[in-house]
Amino acid sequence: MKYVRIVRQTRRNVDIPFFTPTAETIAVMDRYVEDGKIESYTFDNISEDKLHKEMKMTFTNLLSLDEFLCEEQIIGSAAARSSHCDNYYISVTLE
């Protein structure tokens, strides 16, 4: 059964930078795509008012998501996102 993971960021104004995954994090995502564990991902869906950004990943199953979330690079990226968003007062929701 497919599992969709969505990360939404909301900022107060357009002068505040959104968090963006590093090249190393994207490389892990690409490896999961190559291995058939992620069907697709997008991370630059920005709203018309430019205050909301959505990152969406479609995993082939929940086990693939669990494995992904245990990757050292992904754990580090989540910590970096949390720090960045705390520092810039960006709200983040995970689905």
PDB file of N, CA and C in Angstrom:
ATOM      1  N   MET A   1       0.823  -1.174   0.000  1.00  0.00           N
ATOM      2  CA  MET A   1       0.000   0.000   0.000  1.00  0.00           C
ATOM      3  C   MET A   1       0.878   1.251   0.000  1.00  0.00           C
ATOM      4  N   LYS A   2       0.612   2.191  -0.895  1.00  0.00           N
ATOM      5  CA  LYS A   2       1.385   3.418  -0.987  1.00  0.00           C
ATOM      6  C   LYS A   2       1.201   4.257   0.273  1.00  0.00           C
ATOM      7  N   TYR A   3       2.239   5.053   0.568  1.00  0.00           N
ATOM      8  CA  TYR A   3       2.180   5.958   1.707  1.00  0.00           C
ATOM      9  C   TYR A   3       2.730   7.310   1.266  1.00  0.00           C
ATOM     10  N   VAL A   4       1.949   8.361   1.463  1.00  0.00           N
ATOM     11  CA  VAL A   4       2.363   9.703   1.050  1.00  0.00           C
ATOM     12  C   VAL A   4       2.791  10.491   2.286  1.00  0.00           C
ATOM     13  N   ARG A   5       3.971  11.054   2.227  1.00  0.00           N
ATOM     14  CA  ARG A   5       4.507  11.892   3.301  1.00  0.00           C
ATOM     15  C   ARG A   5       4.544  13.324   2.778  1.00  0.00           C
ATOM     16  N   ILE A   6       3.916  14.250   3.507  1.00  0.00           N
ATOM     17  CA  ILE A   6       3.872  15.655   3.105  1.00  0.00           C
ATOM     18  C   ILE A   6       4.464  16.504   4.221  1.00  0.00           C
ATOM     19  N   VAL A   7       5.363  17.409   3.843  1.00  0.00           N
ATOM     20  CA  VAL A   7       5.937  18.379   4.775  1.00  0.00           C
ATOM     21  C   VAL A   7       5.549  19.759   4.244  1.00  0.00           C
ATOM     22  N   ARG A   8       4.826  20.509   5.082  1.00  0.00           N
ATOM     23  CA  ARG A   8       4.395  21.859   4.679  1.00  0.00           C
ATOM     24  C   ARG A   8       5.085  22.899   5.553  1.00  0.00           C
ATOM     25  N   GLN A   9       5.596  23.943   4.906  1.00  0.00           N
ATOM     26  CA  GLN A   9       6.201  25.062   5.614  1.00  0.00           C
ATOM     27  C   GLN A   9       5.371  26.316   5.335  1.00  0.00           C
ATOM     28  N   THR A  10       5.164  27.117   6.371  1.00  0.00           N
ATOM     29  CA  THR A  10       4.450  28.386   6.216  1.00  0.00           C
ATOM     30  C   THR A  10       5.291  29.480   6.860  1.00  0.00           C
ATOM     31  N   ARG A  11       5.572  30.513   6.078  1.00  0.00           N
ATOM     32  CA  ARG A  11       6.364  31.624   6.586  1.00  0.00           C
ATOM     33  C   ARG A  11       5.523  32.891   6.650  1.00  0.00           C
ATOM     34  N   ARG A  12       5.986  33.861   7.421  1.00  0.00           N
ATOM     35  CA  ARG A  12       5.231  35.114   7.615  1.00  0.00           C
ATOM     36  C   ARG A  12       5.343  36.068   6.437  1.00  0.00           C
ATOM     37  N   ASN A  13       6.496  36.058   5.780  1.00  0.00           N
ATOM     38  CA  ASN A  13       6.677  36.942   4.622  1.00  0.00           C
ATOM     39  C   ASN A  13       7.702  36.337   3.673  1.00  0.00           C
ATOM     40  N   VAL A  14       7.790  36.884   2.483  1.00  0.00           N
ATOM     41  CA  VAL A  14       8.638  36.294   1.435  1.00  0.00           C
ATOM     42  C   VAL A  14      10.124  36.549   1.646  1.00  0.00           C
ATOM     43  N   ASP A  15      10.494  37.388   2.603  1.00  0.00           N
ATOM     44  CA  ASP A  15      11.901  37.635   2.879  1.00  0.00           C
ATOM     45  C   ASP A  15      12.536  36.533   3.729  1.00  0.00           C
ATOM     46  N   ILE A  16      11.714  35.670   4.280  1.00  0.00           N
ATOM     47  CA  ILE A  16      12.192  34.569   5.109  1.00  0.00           C
ATOM     48  C   ILE A  16      12.457  33.358   4.206  1.00  0.00           C
ATOM     49  N   PRO A  17      13.675  32.796   4.260  1.00  0.00           N
ATOM     50  CA  PRO A  17      13.976  31.653   3.382  1.00  0.00           C
ATOM     51  C   PRO A  17      13.345  30.357   3.879  1.00  0.00           C
ATOM     52  N   PHE A  18      12.746  29.618   2.957  1.00  0.00           N
ATOM     53  CA  PHE A  18      12.256  28.277   3.271  1.00  0.00           C
ATOM     54  C   PHE A  18      13.449  27.354   3.475  1.00  0.00           C
ATOM     55  N   PHE A  19      13.227  26.275   4.214  1.00  0.00           N
ATOM     56  CA  PHE A  19      14.234  25.222   4.304  1.00  0.00           C
ATOM     57  C   PHE A  19      14.185  24.417   3.006  1.00  0.00           C
ATOM     58  N   THR A  20      15.353  24.091   2.486  1.00  0.00           N
ATOM     59  CA  THR A  20      15.457  23.266   1.286  1.00  0.00           C
ATOM     60  C   THR A  20      16.446  22.136   1.563  1.00  0.00           C
ATOM     61  N   PRO A  21      16.113  20.906   1.196  1.00  0.00           N
ATOM     62  CA  PRO A  21      17.030  19.783   1.426  1.00  0.00           C
ATOM     63  C   PRO A  21      18.364  19.988   0.695  1.00  0.00           C
ATOM     64  N   THR A  22      19.417  19.467   1.309  1.00  0.00           N
ATOM     65  CA  THR A  22      20.748  19.549   0.702  1.00  0.00           C
ATOM     66  C   THR A  22      20.878  18.549  -0.442  1.00  0.00           C
ATOM     67  N   ALA A  23      21.943  18.688  -1.206  1.00  0.00           N
ATOM     68  CA  ALA A  23      22.221  17.750  -2.303  1.00  0.00           C
ATOM     69  C   ALA A  23      22.399  16.330  -1.769  1.00  0.00           C
ATOM     70  N   GLU A  24      22.975  16.201  -0.585  1.00  0.00           N
ATOM     71  CA  GLU A  24      23.183  14.882   0.012  1.00  0.00           C
ATOM     72  C   GLU A  24      21.843  14.224   0.360  1.00  0.00           C
ATOM     73  N   THR A  25      20.915  15.020   0.856  1.00  0.00           N
ATOM     74  CA  THR A  25      19.586  14.491   1.176  1.00  0.00           C
ATOM     75  C   THR A  25      18.850  14.091  -0.098  1.00  0.00           C
ATOM     76  N   ILE A  26      18.948  14.909  -1.119  1.00  0.00           N
ATOM     77  CA  ILE A  26      18.311  14.590  -2.401  1.00  0.00           C
ATOM     78  C   ILE A  26      18.918  13.319  -2.996  1.00  0.00           C
ATOM     79  N   ALA A  27      20.222  13.118  -2.786  1.00  0.00           N
ATOM     80  CA  ALA A  27      20.880  11.896  -3.272  1.00  0.00           C
ATOM     81  C   ALA A  27      20.284  10.657  -2.595  1.00  0.00           C
ATOM     82  N   VAL A  28      19.961  10.751  -1.312  1.00  0.00           N
ATOM     83  CA  VAL A  28      19.323   9.623  -0.623  1.00  0.00           C
ATOM     84  C   VAL A  28      17.938   9.389  -1.218  1.00  0.00           C
ATOM     85  N   MET A  29      17.201  10.463  -1.451  1.00  0.00           N
ATOM     86  CA  MET A  29      15.871  10.332  -2.053  1.00  0.00           C
ATOM     87  C   MET A  29      15.970   9.692  -3.433  1.00  0.00           C
ATOM     88  N   ASP A  30      16.933  10.116  -4.227  1.00  0.00           N
ATOM     89  CA  ASP A  30      17.123   9.540  -5.558  1.00  0.00           C
ATOM     90  C   ASP A  30      17.465   8.052  -5.486  1.00  0.00           C
ATOM     91  N   ARG A  31      18.260   7.668  -4.486  1.00  0.00           N
ATOM     92  CA  ARG A  31      18.605   6.252  -4.306  1.00  0.00           C
ATOM     93  C   ARG A  31      17.349   5.434  -3.991  1.00  0.00           C
ATOM     94  N   TYR A  32      16.467   6.001  -3.188  1.00  0.00           N
ATOM     95  CA  TYR A  32      15.214   5.306  -2.871  1.00  0.00           C
ATOM     96  C   TYR A  32      14.317   5.186  -4.101  1.00  0.00           C
ATOM     97  N   VAL A  33      14.358   6.197  -4.966  1.00  0.00           N
ATOM     98  CA  VAL A  33      13.608   6.111  -6.231  1.00  0.00           C
ATOM     99  C   VAL A  33      14.199   4.986  -7.082  1.00  0.00           C
ATOM    100  N   GLU A  34      15.520   4.971  -7.224  1.00  0.00           N
ATOM    101  CA  GLU A  34      16.186   3.934  -8.021  1.00  0.00           C
ATOM    102  C   GLU A  34      15.910   2.536  -7.479  1.00  0.00           C
ATOM    103  N   ASP A  35      15.813   2.415  -6.150  1.00  0.00           N
ATOM    104  CA  ASP A  35      15.565   1.114  -5.511  1.00  0.00           C
ATOM    105  C   ASP A  35      14.083   0.739  -5.504  1.00  0.00           C
ATOM    106  N   GLY A  36      13.229   1.624  -6.056  1.00  0.00           N
ATOM    107  CA  GLY A  36      11.800   1.340  -6.113  1.00  0.00           C
ATOM    108  C   GLY A  36      11.068   1.531  -4.795  1.00  0.00           C
ATOM    109  N   LYS A  37      11.672   2.252  -3.868  1.00  0.00           N
ATOM    110  CA  LYS A  37      11.055   2.471  -2.555  1.00  0.00           C
ATOM    111  C   LYS A  37      10.284   3.791  -2.490  1.00  0.00           C
ATOM    112  N   ILE A  38      10.679   4.756  -3.308  1.00  0.00           N
ATOM    113  CA  ILE A  38       9.940   6.012  -3.469  1.00  0.00           C
ATOM    114  C   ILE A  38       9.473   6.060  -4.913  1.00  0.00           C
ATOM    115  N   GLU A  39       8.171   6.254  -5.116  1.00  0.00           N
ATOM    116  CA  GLU A  39       7.633   6.350  -6.473  1.00  0.00           C
ATOM    117  C   GLU A  39       7.889   7.725  -7.073  1.00  0.00           C
ATOM    118  N   SER A  40       7.754   8.767  -6.242  1.00  0.00           N
ATOM    119  CA  SER A  40       7.970  10.124  -6.734  1.00  0.00           C
ATOM    120  C   SER A  40       8.168  11.066  -5.553  1.00  0.00           C
ATOM    121  N   TYR A  41       8.783  12.213  -5.844  1.00  0.00           N
ATOM    122  CA  TYR A  41       8.878  13.267  -4.836  1.00  0.00           C
ATOM    123  C   TYR A  41       8.954  14.622  -5.526  1.00  0.00           C
ATOM    124  N   THR A  42       8.466  15.621  -4.822  1.00  0.00           N
ATOM    125  CA  THR A  42       8.588  17.013  -5.244  1.00  0.00           C
ATOM    126  C   THR A  42       8.910  17.821  -3.995  1.00  0.00           C
ATOM    127  N   PHE A  43       9.689  18.862  -4.146  1.00  0.00           N
ATOM    128  CA  PHE A  43       9.974  19.665  -2.960  1.00  0.00           C
ATOM    129  C   PHE A  43       9.956  21.165  -3.227  1.00  0.00           C
ATOM    130  N   ASP A  44       9.492  21.572  -4.370  1.00  0.00           N
ATOM    131  CA  ASP A  44       9.426  22.997  -4.674  1.00  0.00           C
ATOM    132  C   ASP A  44       8.026  23.467  -5.027  1.00  0.00           C
ATOM    133  N   ASN A  45       7.009  22.852  -4.442  1.00  0.00           N
ATOM    134  CA  ASN A  45       5.639  23.331  -4.664  1.00  0.00           C
ATOM    135  C   ASN A  45       5.409  24.539  -3.762  1.00  0.00           C
ATOM    136  N   ILE A  46       5.411  25.714  -4.358  1.00  0.00           N
ATOM    137  CA  ILE A  46       5.246  26.961  -3.602  1.00  0.00           C
ATOM    138  C   ILE A  46       3.933  27.611  -4.011  1.00  0.00           C
ATOM    139  N   SER A  47       3.188  28.075  -3.011  1.00  0.00           N
ATOM    140  CA  SER A  47       1.877  28.677  -3.254  1.00  0.00           C
ATOM    141  C   SER A  47       2.003  29.975  -4.040  1.00  0.00           C
ATOM    142  N   GLU A  48       0.884  30.386  -4.601  1.00  0.00           N
ATOM    143  CA  GLU A  48       0.851  31.606  -5.401  1.00  0.00           C
ATOM    144  C   GLU A  48       1.282  32.825  -4.587  1.00  0.00           C
ATOM    145  N   ASP A  49       0.895  32.883  -3.314  1.00  0.00           N
ATOM    146  CA  ASP A  49       1.294  34.024  -2.475  1.00  0.00           C
ATOM    147  C   ASP A  49       2.727  33.889  -1.951  1.00  0.00           C
ATOM    148  N   LYS A  50       3.383  32.761  -2.265  1.00  0.00           N
ATOM    149  CA  LYS A  50       4.773  32.471  -1.929  1.00  0.00           C
ATOM    150  C   LYS A  50       5.032  32.359  -0.418  1.00  0.00           C
ATOM    151  N   LEU A  51       3.979  32.077   0.354  1.00  0.00           N
ATOM    152  CA  LEU A  51       4.123  31.947   1.798  1.00  0.00           C
ATOM    153  C   LEU A  51       4.076  30.488   2.264  1.00  0.00           C
ATOM    154  N   HIS A  52       3.715  29.574   1.372  1.00  0.00           N
ATOM    155  CA  HIS A  52       3.576  28.160   1.719  1.00  0.00           C
ATOM    156  C   HIS A  52       4.383  27.298   0.748  1.00  0.00           C
ATOM    157  N   LYS A  53       5.095  26.340   1.303  1.00  0.00           N
ATOM    158  CA  LYS A  53       5.878  25.414   0.485  1.00  0.00           C
ATOM    159  C   LYS A  53       5.524  23.999   0.915  1.00  0.00           C
ATOM    160  N   GLU A  54       5.388  23.121  -0.074  1.00  0.00           N
ATOM    161  CA  GLU A  54       5.034  21.734   0.209  1.00  0.00           C
ATOM    162  C   GLU A  54       6.046  20.789  -0.424  1.00  0.00           C
ATOM    163  N   MET A  55       6.481  19.828   0.377  1.00  0.00           N
ATOM    164  CA  MET A  55       7.330  18.742  -0.115  1.00  0.00           C
ATOM    165  C   MET A  55       6.514  17.469   0.019  1.00  0.00           C
ATOM    166  N   LYS A  56       6.444  16.689  -1.055  1.00  0.00           N
ATOM    167  CA  LYS A  56       5.608  15.495  -1.062  1.00  0.00           C
ATOM    168  C   LYS A  56       6.419  14.316  -1.584  1.00  0.00           C
ATOM    169  N   MET A  57       6.385  13.215  -0.828  1.00  0.00           N
ATOM    170  CA  MET A  57       7.064  11.994  -1.230  1.00  0.00           C
ATOM    171  C   MET A  57       6.058  10.846  -1.193  1.00  0.00           C
ATOM    172  N   THR A  58       6.034  10.064  -2.252  1.00  0.00           N
ATOM    173  CA  THR A  58       5.156   8.902  -2.303  1.00  0.00           C
ATOM    174  C   THR A  58       6.010   7.648  -2.195  1.00  0.00           C
ATOM    175  N   PHE A  59       5.866   6.950  -1.067  1.00  0.00           N
ATOM    176  CA  PHE A  59       6.604   5.720  -0.806  1.00  0.00           C
ATOM    177  C   PHE A  59       5.782   4.530  -1.272  1.00  0.00           C
ATOM    178  N   THR A  60       6.449   3.465  -1.668  1.00  0.00           N
ATOM    179  CA  THR A  60       5.742   2.269  -2.133  1.00  0.00           C
ATOM    180  C   THR A  60       5.007   1.575  -0.998  1.00  0.00           C
ATOM    181  N   ASN A  61       5.509   1.739   0.237  1.00  0.00           N
ATOM    182  CA  ASN A  61       4.840   1.155   1.400  1.00  0.00           C
ATOM    183  C   ASN A  61       5.376   1.800   2.676  1.00  0.00           C
ATOM    184  N   LEU A  62       4.751   1.494   3.790  1.00  0.00           N
ATOM    185  CA  LEU A  62       5.131   2.086   5.072  1.00  0.00           C
ATOM    186  C   LEU A  62       6.518   1.636   5.513  1.00  0.00           C
ATOM    187  N   LEU A  63       6.892   0.417   5.200  1.00  0.00           N
ATOM    188  CA  LEU A  63       8.221  -0.082   5.544  1.00  0.00           C
ATOM    189  C   LEU A  63       9.313   0.758   4.879  1.00  0.00           C
ATOM    190  N   SER A  64       9.099   1.152   3.620  1.00  0.00           N
ATOM    191  CA  SER A  64      10.068   1.999   2.909  1.00  0.00           C
ATOM    192  C   SER A  64      10.201   3.353   3.590  1.00  0.00           C
ATOM    193  N   LEU A  65       9.079   3.924   4.039  1.00  0.00           N
ATOM    194  CA  LEU A  65       9.123   5.198   4.767  1.00  0.00           C
ATOM    195  C   LEU A  65       9.890   5.032   6.067  1.00  0.00           C
ATOM    196  N   ASP A  66       9.598   3.980   6.828  1.00  0.00           N
ATOM    197  CA  ASP A  66      10.288   3.750   8.094  1.00  0.00           C
ATOM    198  C   ASP A  66      11.794   3.617   7.881  1.00  0.00           C
ATOM    199  N   GLU A  67      12.178   2.881   6.845  1.00  0.00           N
ATOM    200  CA  GLU A  67      13.602   2.715   6.525  1.00  0.00           C
ATOM    201  C   GLU A  67      14.231   4.062   6.169  1.00  0.00           C
ATOM    202  N   PHE A  68      13.520   4.850   5.375  1.00  0.00           N
ATOM    203  CA  PHE A  68      13.988   6.175   4.955  1.00  0.00           C
ATOM    204  C   PHE A  68      14.211   7.074   6.174  1.00  0.00           C
ATOM    205  N   LEU A  69      13.255   7.081   7.100  1.00  0.00           N
ATOM    206  CA  LEU A  69      13.345   7.950   8.274  1.00  0.00           C
ATOM    207  C   LEU A  69      14.474   7.552   9.216  1.00  0.00           C
ATOM    208  N   CYS A  70      15.004   6.333   9.084  1.00  0.00           N
ATOM    209  CA  CYS A  70      16.120   5.865   9.904  1.00  0.00           C
ATOM    210  C   CYS A  70      17.486   6.154   9.283  1.00  0.00           C
ATOM    211  N   GLU A  71      17.497   6.637   8.049  1.00  0.00           N
ATOM    212  CA  GLU A  71      18.765   6.974   7.380  1.00  0.00           C
ATOM    213  C   GLU A  71      19.430   8.140   8.124  1.00  0.00           C
ATOM    214  N   GLU A  72      20.729   8.001   8.370  1.00  0.00           N
ATOM    215  CA  GLU A  72      21.475   9.044   9.091  1.00  0.00           C
ATOM    216  C   GLU A  72      21.333  10.411   8.420  1.00  0.00           C
ATOM    217  N   GLN A  73      21.435  10.455   7.107  1.00  0.00           N
ATOM    218  CA  GLN A  73      21.321  11.719   6.374  1.00  0.00           C
ATOM    219  C   GLN A  73      19.932  12.339   6.556  1.00  0.00           C
ATOM    220  N   ILE A  74      18.903  11.524   6.579  1.00  0.00           N
ATOM    221  CA  ILE A  74      17.536  12.016   6.714  1.00  0.00           C
ATOM    222  C   ILE A  74      17.285  12.514   8.139  1.00  0.00           C
ATOM    223  N   ILE A  75      17.829  11.818   9.122  1.00  0.00           N
ATOM    224  CA  ILE A  75      17.720  12.265  10.509  1.00  0.00           C
ATOM    225  C   ILE A  75      18.389  13.634  10.661  1.00  0.00           C
ATOM    226  N   GLY A  76      19.572  13.777  10.071  1.00  0.00           N
ATOM    227  CA  GLY A  76      20.280  15.057  10.113  1.00  0.00           C
ATOM    228  C   GLY A  76      19.524  16.158   9.393  1.00  0.00           C
ATOM    229  N   SER A  77      18.913  15.816   8.270  1.00  0.00           N
ATOM    230  CA  SER A  77      18.141  16.798   7.509  1.00  0.00           C
ATOM    231  C   SER A  77      16.916  17.255   8.301  1.00  0.00           C
ATOM    232  N   ALA A  78      16.259  16.330   8.972  1.00  0.00           N
ATOM    233  CA  ALA A  78      15.088  16.688   9.785  1.00  0.00           C
ATOM    234  C   ALA A  78      15.499  17.625  10.922  1.00  0.00           C
ATOM    235  N   ALA A  79      16.644  17.362  11.535  1.00  0.00           N
ATOM    236  CA  ALA A  79      17.143  18.229  12.605  1.00  0.00           C
ATOM    237  C   ALA A  79      17.494  19.616  12.052  1.00  0.00           C
ATOM    238  N   ALA A  80      18.120  19.644  10.875  1.00  0.00           N
ATOM    239  CA  ALA A  80      18.465  20.923  10.240  1.00  0.00           C
ATOM    240  C   ALA A  80      17.204  21.705   9.878  1.00  0.00           C
ATOM    241  N   ARG A  81      16.183  20.995   9.365  1.00  0.00           N
ATOM    242  CA  ARG A  81      14.919  21.661   9.030  1.00  0.00           C
ATOM    243  C   ARG A  81      14.275  22.240  10.284  1.00  0.00           C
ATOM    244  N   SER A  82      14.258  21.468  11.343  1.00  0.00           N
ATOM    245  CA  SER A  82      13.672  21.929  12.601  1.00  0.00           C
ATOM    246  C   SER A  82      14.388  23.174  13.119  1.00  0.00           C
ATOM    247  N   SER A  83      15.704  23.144  13.097  1.00  0.00           N
ATOM    248  CA  SER A  83      16.496  24.287  13.553  1.00  0.00           C
ATOM    249  C   SER A  83      16.252  25.524  12.680  1.00  0.00           C
ATOM    250  N   HIS A  84      16.286  25.318  11.373  1.00  0.00           N
ATOM    251  CA  HIS A  84      16.065  26.420  10.432  1.00  0.00           C
ATOM    252  C   HIS A  84      14.688  27.043  10.655  1.00  0.00           C
ATOM    253  N   CYS A  85      13.681  26.197  10.737  1.00  0.00           N
ATOM    254  CA  CYS A  85      12.316  26.701  10.879  1.00  0.00           C
ATOM    255  C   CYS A  85      12.098  27.370  12.237  1.00  0.00           C
ATOM    256  N   ASP A  86      12.728  26.840  13.285  1.00  0.00           N
ATOM    257  CA  ASP A  86      12.650  27.497  14.595  1.00  0.00           C
ATOM    258  C   ASP A  86      13.308  28.872  14.547  1.00  0.00           C
ATOM    259  N   ASN A  87      14.474  28.938  13.921  1.00  0.00           N
ATOM    260  CA  ASN A  87      15.214  30.207  13.853  1.00  0.00           C
ATOM    261  C   ASN A  87      14.482  31.278  13.053  1.00  0.00           C
ATOM    262  N   TYR A  88      13.738  30.858  12.029  1.00  0.00           N
ATOM    263  CA  TYR A  88      13.031  31.811  11.162  1.00  0.00           C
ATOM    264  C   TYR A  88      11.532  31.865  11.441  1.00  0.00           C
ATOM    265  N   TYR A  89      11.081  31.203  12.502  1.00  0.00           N
ATOM    266  CA  TYR A  89       9.670  31.200  12.887  1.00  0.00           C
ATOM    267  C   TYR A  89       8.756  30.725  11.742  1.00  0.00           C
ATOM    268  N   ILE A  90       9.192  29.658  11.095  1.00  0.00           N
ATOM    269  CA  ILE A  90       8.419  29.016  10.042  1.00  0.00           C
ATOM    270  C   ILE A  90       7.651  27.857  10.677  1.00  0.00           C
ATOM    271  N   SER A  91       6.358  27.806  10.450  1.00  0.00           N
ATOM    272  CA  SER A  91       5.610  26.670  10.982  1.00  0.00           C
ATOM    273  C   SER A  91       5.725  25.497  10.015  1.00  0.00           C
ATOM    274  N   VAL A  92       5.804  24.298  10.581  1.00  0.00           N
ATOM    275  CA  VAL A  92       5.955  23.080   9.795  1.00  0.00           C
ATOM    276  C   VAL A  92       4.890  22.087  10.230  1.00  0.00           C
ATOM    277  N   THR A  93       4.233  21.471   9.254  1.00  0.00           N
ATOM    278  CA  THR A  93       3.312  20.382   9.549  1.00  0.00           C
ATOM    279  C   THR A  93       3.732  19.158   8.748  1.00  0.00           C
ATOM    280  N   LEU A  94       3.593  18.009   9.364  1.00  0.00           N
ATOM    281  CA  LEU A  94       3.927  16.735   8.725  1.00  0.00           C
ATOM    282  C   LEU A  94       2.662  15.895   8.619  1.00  0.00           C
ATOM    283  N   GLU A  95       2.458  15.282   7.487  1.00  0.00           N
ATOM    284  CA  GLU A  95       1.331  14.380   7.290  1.00  0.00           C
ATOM    285  C   GLU A  95       1.856  13.055   6.800  1.00  0.00           C
TER     286      GLU A  95
END
